[in-house]
Amino acid sequence: QDGPNYLGLQRCTNYLTCGFNYVNDDNIAIANTKILNLFQVGQAAIRTGDIIGTKGIIKLIQTAQIIPYIQAVGRNAWKISDKSDPTLAANNKEYAEGAAFA
């Protein structure tokens, strides 16, 4: 699961959203599974010329893809809050990563 959906795999272990039964043993992010399924549905809609359906699928894909980004922001905020010195100077990396995903 490399590529554009790799972030979902990274965060699913933190938020227990791996696998179909929310069991981290599967190592497949539920968000990634949904996104890949939506890509297949979108591909079928494009092939059949269903423009309105394709537009709806695009919106669903966008909605599903935002989940790992929200989880990444939360993860970096948690890392900062867990430190004894939560200042920007002491946590440049976490602040930068959180800002990049926000």
Protein backbone atom coordinates (compact mmCIF):
# COMPACT_ATOMS: atom_id res chain seq x y z
CA GLN A 1 0.00 0.00 0.00
CA ASP A 2 2.61 2.50 -1.02
CA GLY A 3 1.84 5.60 -3.02
CA PRO A 4 -0.74 8.28 -2.41
CA ASN A 5 -2.62 6.25 0.18
CA TYR A 6 0.40 5.32 2.30
CA LEU A 7 -0.56 7.84 4.99
CA GLY A 8 -3.72 5.86 5.72
CA LEU A 9 -1.61 2.79 6.46
CA GLN A 10 0.68 4.76 8.76
CA ARG A 11 -2.15 6.25 10.81
CA CYS A 12 -4.45 3.23 10.96
CA THR A 13 -2.24 1.59 13.56
CA ASN A 14 -2.50 4.72 15.75
CA TYR A 15 -6.28 4.98 15.47
CA LEU A 16 -7.14 1.25 15.28
CA THR A 17 -8.66 1.65 11.82
CA CYS A 18 -6.77 -1.20 10.15
CA GLY A 19 -8.63 -4.16 8.72
CA PHE A 20 -12.28 -4.91 8.25
CA ASN A 21 -12.89 -5.70 11.93
CA TYR A 22 -10.75 -2.82 13.22
CA VAL A 23 -8.03 -5.33 14.06
CA ASN A 24 -4.53 -4.04 13.39
CA ASP A 25 -3.34 -7.47 12.26
CA ASP A 26 -4.58 -6.84 8.70
CA ASN A 27 -2.32 -3.82 8.02
CA ILE A 28 -4.83 -2.44 5.53
CA ALA A 29 -6.34 0.92 6.36
CA ILE A 30 -10.12 0.94 6.10
CA ALA A 31 -9.92 4.39 4.48
CA ASN A 32 -7.59 3.00 1.79
CA THR A 33 -9.95 0.11 1.08
CA LYS A 34 -12.84 2.54 0.66
CA ILE A 35 -10.79 4.81 -1.61
CA LEU A 36 -9.65 1.95 -3.84
CA ASN A 37 -13.21 0.63 -4.09
CA LEU A 38 -14.43 4.11 -5.03
CA PHE A 39 -11.75 4.34 -7.72
CA GLN A 40 -13.10 1.13 -9.24
CA VAL A 41 -16.68 2.41 -9.12
CA GLY A 42 -15.53 5.69 -10.67
CA GLN A 43 -13.71 3.86 -13.42
CA ALA A 44 -16.87 1.93 -14.25
CA ALA A 45 -18.88 5.17 -14.29
CA ILE A 46 -16.38 6.78 -16.68
CA ARG A 47 -16.38 3.77 -18.99
CA THR A 48 -20.16 3.81 -19.23
CA GLY A 49 -20.26 7.57 -19.81
CA ASP A 50 -22.05 8.37 -16.55
CA ILE A 51 -20.80 11.93 -16.03
CA ILE A 52 -23.14 12.78 -13.15
CA GLY A 53 -22.25 9.54 -11.36
CA THR A 54 -18.55 10.22 -11.91
CA LYS A 55 -18.85 13.65 -10.31
CA GLY A 56 -20.53 12.09 -7.28
CA ILE A 57 -17.81 9.44 -7.00
CA ILE A 58 -15.11 12.14 -7.15
CA LYS A 59 -16.71 13.88 -4.17
CA LEU A 60 -16.85 10.60 -2.25
CA ILE A 61 -13.17 9.93 -3.03
CA GLN A 62 -12.21 13.40 -1.80
CA THR A 63 -14.17 12.85 1.40
CA ALA A 64 -12.55 9.47 2.02
CA GLN A 65 -9.04 10.77 1.31
CA ILE A 66 -9.26 13.48 3.96
CA ILE A 67 -9.52 10.96 6.82
CA PRO A 68 -5.79 10.06 6.97
CA TYR A 69 -4.89 13.77 6.87
CA ILE A 70 -7.16 14.53 9.83
CA GLN A 71 -5.63 11.60 11.67
CA ALA A 72 -2.12 12.89 10.89
CA VAL A 73 -2.94 16.34 12.30
CA GLY A 74 -4.34 14.72 15.44
CA ARG A 75 -1.32 12.47 15.79
CA ASN A 76 1.12 15.38 15.60
CA ALA A 77 -0.96 17.43 18.04
CA TRP A 78 -0.88 14.48 20.44
CA LYS A 79 2.91 14.19 20.07
CA ILE A 80 3.31 17.88 20.95
CA SER A 81 0.91 17.73 23.90
CA ASP A 82 2.71 14.70 25.30
CA LYS A 83 6.03 16.56 25.57
CA SER A 84 7.23 18.40 28.66
CA ASP A 85 8.13 21.42 26.48
CA PRO A 86 5.39 21.91 23.84
CA THR A 87 6.96 25.04 22.29
CA LEU A 88 7.64 25.48 18.58
CA ALA A 89 11.38 25.74 19.19
CA ALA A 90 11.45 22.34 20.91
CA ASN A 91 9.11 20.55 18.45
CA ASN A 92 9.85 21.92 14.97
CA LYS A 93 9.24 18.59 13.25
CA GLU A 94 5.84 17.91 14.82
CA TYR A 95 4.59 21.46 14.20
CA ALA A 96 5.76 21.32 10.57
CA GLU A 97 4.17 17.93 9.92
CA GLY A 98 0.93 19.00 11.57
CA ALA A 99 0.83 22.18 9.49
CA ALA A 100 1.54 20.24 6.30
CA PHE A 101 -1.44 17.96 6.85
CA ALA A 102 -3.80 20.69 8.10
